[in-house]
Amino acid sequence: MKALVTGGGGYLGSAIVRALVKRGDEVSCLQRGNYPELDELTVGIHTGDITDPLAVIKASKNCDVIFHVAAKAGVWGKYENYHQPNVVGTENVLKACEVNRIGRLVYTSSPSVIFNGNDEESVDESIDYPQYFFSHYQATKAMAERKVLAANNSQLATVALRPHLIWGPGDPHLIGRIIGRARSGKLRLIRGSKLADTTYIDNAVSAHLLAADALLAKLNVSGKTYFITNGEPVVITELINRILHAFAMPPATKTLSPKTAFTVGAISELVYKLFAIEKEPLMTRFVARQLSCAHWYDISAAKHDLGYKPLVSIEEGLQRIQAA
């Protein structure tokens, strides 16, 4: 098939590109910057912004499927900075599907869209969106996911995947933040024994390809969402220290209580807003609640409908990081 990957230069996007090329698909990418690693692959490169409708239409011409991965992640910043790429960008992708008569769309969502500040234990896709969002990322990703699902019809088959905490060698997000804060002496663990799911990069990529193939085969997956994880819930603090160990770093020992972390986050947000500080605070209410709550999901729907099966365990993933 001929596929367009939006955000093809990002961590997940570039991994999807490599997997598609490896299996013989024809691939194009849409991204804002230049990524030398993509130049080494036989892919079509389109430089442009997802918020530019003409750029998306041009990049997706003659495609069979779009993997819409591009998004602004994070927990801090102005609402419009999230709304434009996450909501308007998704609207542009849907319009491009209509204009270019593209029949399949795989959308990368997030479990954040259903987080209501409470424990999520063996949650499945029947859970509804919350009435209150802790961050602009949450709110705009939920809006975009709803638009993608609502767009599913006889001409366009859509599916939304919700991978949780993607990580692996070269990961600049989860692992990058943990290692960066540990090296700066600013890493704090929130006390507790709550479990959380994660998703190794190869497993996230596999789910995306399986979803596209399921849409091609016209299986009963269109218009649906799927949680994607390793299926190995672990204690959050233990996982952080296992990651530190993989980088030959000492374990984190400084801790905060959940209540203290939330208070610090609330005060930090107030101060940063008052003084118009654009840099992300070390703690926010969203991060505090995320690290204080359980986050593990029932992935039986993805296994049944998509044929999804985690390929790389947490232990093997950590070994790959050590070997990298």
Protein backbone atom coordinates (compact mmCIF):
# COMPACT_ATOMS: atom_id res chain seq x y z
CA MET A 1 0.00 0.00 0.00
CA LYS A 2 0.99 3.63 -0.34
CA ALA A 3 1.01 5.33 3.04
CA LEU A 4 1.48 8.83 4.39
CA VAL A 5 2.86 9.19 7.92
CA THR A 6 2.30 12.58 9.50
CA GLY A 7 4.98 13.42 12.03
CA GLY A 8 7.30 11.01 10.23
CA GLY A 9 10.35 12.55 11.85
CA GLY A 10 9.15 11.91 15.41
CA TYR A 11 9.98 8.96 17.62
CA LEU A 12 6.90 6.86 16.84
CA GLY A 13 6.39 8.26 13.34
CA SER A 14 9.90 7.42 12.16
CA ALA A 15 9.62 3.91 13.61
CA ILE A 16 6.37 3.37 11.67
CA VAL A 17 8.08 4.66 8.51
CA ARG A 18 10.96 2.20 8.90
CA ALA A 19 8.59 -0.71 9.50
CA LEU A 20 6.49 0.13 6.44
CA VAL A 21 9.58 0.45 4.24
CA LYS A 22 10.96 -2.83 5.58
CA ARG A 23 7.85 -4.74 4.56
CA GLY A 24 7.78 -3.17 1.10
CA ASP A 25 5.13 -0.48 1.34
CA GLU A 26 5.48 2.84 -0.48
CA VAL A 27 5.85 5.59 2.12
CA SER A 28 5.67 9.36 2.25
CA CYS A 29 6.21 11.59 5.28
CA LEU A 30 4.91 14.99 6.29
CA GLN A 31 6.97 16.83 8.88
CA ARG A 32 8.01 20.36 9.74
CA GLY A 33 11.78 19.86 9.86
CA ASN A 34 14.56 17.94 8.15
CA TYR A 35 15.49 14.51 9.47
CA PRO A 36 18.68 13.01 7.99
CA GLU A 37 17.74 9.49 9.10
CA LEU A 38 14.72 9.63 6.76
CA ASP A 39 16.90 10.69 3.85
CA GLU A 40 18.59 7.30 4.06
CA LEU A 41 15.28 5.56 3.41
CA THR A 42 13.40 5.33 0.14
CA VAL A 43 10.53 7.57 1.17
CA GLY A 44 8.86 10.67 -0.16
CA ILE A 45 9.65 13.69 2.00
CA HIS A 46 7.14 16.52 2.33
CA THR A 47 8.16 19.45 4.49
CA GLY A 48 5.18 21.33 5.84
CA ASP A 49 2.97 21.98 8.82
CA ILE A 50 0.00 19.81 9.71
CA THR A 51 -1.97 23.02 10.31
CA ASP A 52 -1.61 23.91 6.61
CA PRO A 53 -4.49 22.17 4.78
CA LEU A 54 -2.86 22.49 1.36
CA ALA A 55 0.34 20.89 2.63
CA VAL A 56 -1.60 17.89 3.94
CA ILE A 57 -3.61 17.52 0.73
CA LYS A 58 -0.44 17.67 -1.38
CA ALA A 59 1.47 15.19 0.77
CA SER A 60 -1.38 12.65 0.82
CA LYS A 61 -2.15 12.64 -2.89
CA ASN A 62 -2.54 9.11 -4.31
CA CYS A 63 -2.23 7.51 -0.87
CA ASP A 64 -4.22 4.48 0.29
CA VAL A 65 -3.87 5.12 4.01
CA ILE A 66 -2.76 7.85 6.39
CA PHE A 67 -1.08 7.18 9.70
CA HIS A 68 -1.84 10.40 11.56
CA VAL A 69 0.85 10.46 14.25
CA ALA A 70 1.76 14.16 14.35
CA ALA A 71 0.67 16.00 17.48
CA LYS A 72 1.86 18.41 20.12
CA ALA A 73 2.44 16.54 23.36
CA GLY A 74 3.30 17.97 26.75
CA VAL A 75 1.68 19.31 29.88
CA TRP A 76 2.32 23.04 29.64
CA GLY A 77 1.68 25.88 27.25
CA LYS A 78 -1.06 27.96 25.69
CA TYR A 79 -4.27 26.29 24.60
CA GLU A 80 -3.95 27.49 21.01
CA ASN A 81 -0.51 25.89 20.74
CA TYR A 82 -2.20 22.53 21.32
CA HIS A 83 -5.47 23.20 19.51
CA GLN A 84 -3.85 24.11 16.21
CA PRO A 85 -1.76 20.96 15.62
CA ASN A 86 -3.95 18.50 17.50
CA VAL A 87 -7.45 19.60 16.46
CA VAL A 88 -7.03 21.75 13.36
CA GLY A 89 -4.28 19.41 12.11
CA THR A 90 -6.62 16.44 12.46
CA GLU A 91 -9.40 18.32 10.67
CA ASN A 92 -6.94 18.93 7.82
CA VAL A 93 -6.09 15.24 7.64
CA LEU A 94 -9.78 14.34 7.46
CA LYS A 95 -10.30 16.93 4.72
CA ALA A 96 -7.34 15.53 2.79
CA CYS A 97 -8.87 12.05 3.01
CA GLU A 98 -12.06 13.45 1.50
CA VAL A 99 -10.34 15.45 -1.25
CA ASN A 100 -7.93 12.65 -2.25
CA ARG A 101 -10.48 9.87 -1.70
CA ILE A 102 -8.30 8.07 0.82
CA GLY A 103 -10.19 5.17 2.34
CA ARG A 104 -8.27 4.43 5.55
CA LEU A 105 -7.02 6.45 8.49
CA VAL A 106 -5.12 5.18 11.53
CA TYR A 107 -5.06 7.84 14.24
CA THR A 108 -2.58 7.86 17.13
CA SER A 109 -4.51 8.87 20.20
CA SER A 110 -3.65 8.46 23.90
CA PRO A 111 -5.17 7.00 27.07
CA SER A 112 -4.91 10.54 28.43
CA VAL A 113 -8.17 11.32 26.67
CA ILE A 114 -10.14 9.32 29.25
CA PHE A 115 -8.13 10.17 32.40
CA ASN A 116 -10.37 11.72 35.06
CA GLY A 117 -7.87 11.93 37.89
CA ASN A 118 -8.72 8.54 39.40
CA ASP A 119 -7.18 5.07 39.23
CA GLU A 120 -7.57 3.24 35.93
CA GLU A 121 -7.36 -0.49 36.62
CA SER A 122 -8.11 -2.95 33.82
CA VAL A 123 -10.02 -0.20 32.02
CA ASP A 124 -11.46 -1.07 28.62
CA GLU A 125 -12.68 1.03 25.71
CA SER A 126 -16.20 1.41 27.10
CA ILE A 127 -15.06 4.16 29.50
CA ASP A 128 -16.30 7.61 28.50
CA TYR A 129 -14.42 10.89 28.21
CA PRO A 130 -14.18 12.87 31.47
CA GLN A 131 -16.06 16.09 32.10
CA TYR A 132 -12.86 17.84 33.20
CA PHE A 133 -9.41 17.77 31.64
CA PHE A 134 -6.23 18.50 33.56
CA SER A 135 -4.25 19.68 30.52
CA HIS A 136 -4.66 21.19 27.07
CA TYR A 137 -3.04 18.08 25.60
CA GLN A 138 -5.74 15.89 27.11
CA ALA A 139 -8.55 18.14 25.95
CA THR A 140 -7.34 18.61 22.37
CA LYS A 141 -6.44 14.95 21.83
CA ALA A 142 -9.93 13.98 23.01
CA MET A 143 -11.48 16.47 20.59
CA ALA A 144 -9.38 15.10 17.75
CA GLU A 145 -10.17 11.48 18.58
CA ARG A 146 -13.88 12.24 18.58
CA LYS A 147 -13.58 13.87 15.15
CA VAL A 148 -11.74 10.87 13.74
CA LEU A 149 -14.31 8.41 15.04
CA ALA A 150 -17.21 10.58 13.86
CA ALA A 151 -15.68 10.72 10.37
CA ASN A 152 -15.89 6.95 9.95
CA ASN A 153 -18.28 6.16 7.09
CA SER A 154 -18.62 4.09 3.94
CA GLN A 155 -15.94 6.14 2.16
CA LEU A 156 -13.44 6.49 5.03
CA ALA A 157 -12.67 3.76 7.56
CA THR A 158 -11.02 5.16 10.69
CA VAL A 159 -9.53 3.65 13.82
CA ALA A 160 -7.95 5.28 16.87
CA LEU A 161 -5.13 3.64 18.85
CA ARG A 162 -4.29 4.61 22.43
CA PRO A 163 -0.72 3.47 23.17
CA HIS A 164 0.39 4.27 26.73
CA LEU A 165 3.86 5.62 27.57
CA ILE A 166 5.83 4.59 24.49
CA TRP A 167 9.52 3.98 25.18
CA GLY A 168 12.62 2.30 23.80
CA PRO A 169 16.17 3.06 22.61
CA GLY A 170 16.50 6.71 21.62
CA ASP A 171 13.21 7.68 23.28
CA PRO A 172 13.36 11.44 23.96
CA HIS A 173 10.09 11.54 25.90
CA LEU A 174 9.56 9.12 28.81
CA ILE A 175 13.14 7.91 29.12
CA GLY A 176 14.63 11.24 28.04
CA ARG A 177 12.77 13.10 30.79
CA ILE A 178 13.65 10.54 33.48
CA ILE A 179 17.35 10.50 32.63
CA GLY A 180 17.51 14.28 32.19
CA ARG A 181 15.98 14.96 35.60
CA ALA A 182 18.08 12.31 37.29
CA ARG A 183 21.28 13.83 35.91
CA SER A 184 20.22 17.29 37.05
CA GLY A 185 19.32 16.05 40.52
CA LYS A 186 15.66 17.08 40.07
CA LEU A 187 14.06 13.65 39.84
CA ARG A 188 11.49 12.94 42.55
CA LEU A 189 9.43 9.78 42.97
CA ILE A 190 5.85 9.99 44.17
CA ARG A 191 5.34 7.49 46.97
CA GLY A 192 2.95 4.63 46.37
CA SER A 193 2.61 1.23 44.76
CA LYS A 194 0.23 2.00 41.91
CA LEU A 195 0.61 0.01 38.69
CA ALA A 196 1.03 1.48 35.21
CA ASP A 197 1.20 0.07 31.71
CA THR A 198 3.83 1.06 29.17
CA THR A 199 4.34 0.28 25.49
CA TYR A 200 7.67 -0.69 23.95
CA ILE A 201 8.20 1.10 20.63
CA ASP A 202 8.14 -2.07 18.49
CA ASN A 203 4.79 -3.05 20.00
CA ALA A 204 3.30 0.37 19.28
CA VAL A 205 4.48 0.17 15.67
CA SER A 206 3.10 -3.35 15.25
CA ALA A 207 -0.32 -2.19 16.46
CA HIS A 208 -0.41 0.60 13.88
CA LEU A 209 0.42 -1.72 10.99
CA LEU A 210 -2.09 -4.29 12.20
CA ALA A 211 -4.77 -1.60 12.38
CA ALA A 212 -4.10 -0.46 8.81
CA ASP A 213 -4.17 -4.05 7.55
CA ALA A 214 -7.42 -4.71 9.41
CA LEU A 215 -9.01 -1.69 7.74
CA LEU A 216 -7.76 -2.92 4.36
CA ALA A 217 -9.27 -6.35 5.02
CA LYS A 218 -12.53 -4.63 6.03
CA LEU A 219 -12.56 -6.31 9.42
CA ASN A 220 -14.94 -5.01 12.06
CA VAL A 221 -12.55 -2.41 13.51
CA SER A 222 -13.57 0.84 11.82
CA GLY A 223 -14.94 3.57 14.03
CA LYS A 224 -13.38 1.98 17.12
CA THR A 225 -10.67 2.80 19.66
CA TYR A 226 -8.10 0.39 21.08
CA PHE A 227 -5.81 0.53 24.09
CA ILE A 228 -2.29 -0.59 23.20
CA THR A 229 0.25 -1.60 25.87
CA ASN A 230 2.80 -4.26 26.76
CA GLY A 231 0.18 -5.89 28.97
CA GLU A 232 2.68 -5.87 31.85
CA PRO A 233 1.55 -3.45 34.56
CA VAL A 234 4.45 -2.47 36.83
CA VAL A 235 4.84 -0.26 39.89
CA ILE A 236 5.67 3.20 38.56
CA THR A 237 8.54 3.90 40.96
CA GLU A 238 10.07 0.48 40.26
CA LEU A 239 9.93 1.05 36.51
CA ILE A 240 11.69 4.41 36.84
CA ASN A 241 14.50 2.81 38.82
CA ARG A 242 14.78 -0.08 36.34
CA ILE A 243 15.23 2.49 33.58
CA LEU A 244 17.91 4.26 35.62
CA HIS A 245 19.64 0.92 36.18
CA ALA A 246 19.65 0.27 32.42
CA PHE A 247 21.64 3.49 32.05
CA ALA A 248 24.02 2.46 34.85
CA MET A 249 22.65 5.22 37.08
CA PRO A 250 21.89 4.96 40.81
CA PRO A 251 18.26 4.54 41.88
CA ALA A 252 16.16 7.59 42.72
CA THR A 253 15.63 7.94 46.46
CA LYS A 254 14.02 11.37 46.94
CA THR A 255 10.24 11.17 47.22
CA LEU A 256 7.09 13.24 47.58
CA SER A 257 3.67 12.24 48.85
CA PRO A 258 0.84 12.37 46.27
CA LYS A 259 -0.79 15.24 48.17
CA THR A 260 2.44 17.26 48.32
CA ALA A 261 3.12 16.66 44.62
CA PHE A 262 -0.36 17.90 43.66
CA THR A 263 0.03 20.99 45.87
CA VAL A 264 3.43 21.75 44.40
CA GLY A 265 1.98 21.33 40.91
CA ALA A 266 -0.92 23.69 41.61
CA ILE A 267 1.38 26.35 43.08
CA SER A 268 3.86 25.98 40.22
CA GLU A 269 1.13 26.43 37.62
CA LEU A 270 -0.15 29.54 39.39
CA VAL A 271 3.32 31.11 39.59
CA TYR A 272 4.22 30.24 36.01
CA LYS A 273 0.94 31.69 34.71
CA LEU A 274 1.31 34.81 36.85
CA PHE A 275 4.77 35.55 35.49
CA ALA A 276 4.03 34.24 31.95
CA ILE A 277 6.84 31.67 32.13
CA GLU A 278 6.76 29.49 29.01
CA LYS A 279 9.14 26.81 30.30
CA GLU A 280 7.37 23.73 31.67
CA PRO A 281 7.21 23.57 35.49
CA LEU A 282 8.98 20.66 37.19
CA MET A 283 5.57 19.57 38.49
CA THR A 284 1.98 20.18 37.37
CA ARG A 285 -1.35 18.92 38.69
CA PHE A 286 -1.69 16.63 35.67
CA VAL A 287 1.73 15.04 36.18
CA ALA A 288 1.13 14.70 39.91
CA ARG A 289 -2.16 12.89 39.35
CA GLN A 290 -0.73 10.75 36.57
CA LEU A 291 2.13 9.56 38.79
CA SER A 292 -0.18 9.01 41.77
CA CYS A 293 -2.82 6.92 39.99
CA ALA A 294 -2.93 3.44 38.51
CA HIS A 295 -2.93 3.28 34.70
CA TRP A 296 -3.33 -0.20 33.27
CA TYR A 297 -5.69 -1.27 30.57
CA ASP A 298 -7.54 -4.24 29.17
CA ILE A 299 -6.03 -4.89 25.73
CA SER A 300 -8.16 -7.92 24.91
CA ALA A 301 -10.08 -5.96 22.23
CA ALA A 302 -6.87 -5.16 20.35
CA LYS A 303 -5.78 -8.80 20.62
CA HIS A 304 -9.13 -10.09 19.36
CA ASP A 305 -9.92 -7.54 16.65
CA LEU A 306 -6.45 -6.58 15.40
CA GLY A 307 -4.51 -9.73 16.18
CA TYR A 308 -2.27 -7.59 18.38
CA LYS A 309 0.33 -9.32 20.53
CA PRO A 310 3.15 -7.56 22.41
CA LEU A 311 6.36 -8.61 20.67
CA VAL A 312 8.92 -7.21 23.10
CA SER A 313 8.64 -7.52 26.89
CA ILE A 314 9.74 -4.83 29.34
CA GLU A 315 12.73 -6.93 30.36
CA GLU A 316 13.86 -7.44 26.76
CA GLY A 317 13.29 -3.77 26.04
CA LEU A 318 15.52 -2.73 28.94
CA GLN A 319 18.19 -5.15 27.71
CA ARG A 320 18.03 -3.51 24.27
CA ILE A 321 18.52 -0.11 25.88
CA GLN A 322 21.58 -1.37 27.73
CA ALA A 323 22.99 -2.78 24.50
CA ALA A 324 22.27 0.35 22.46
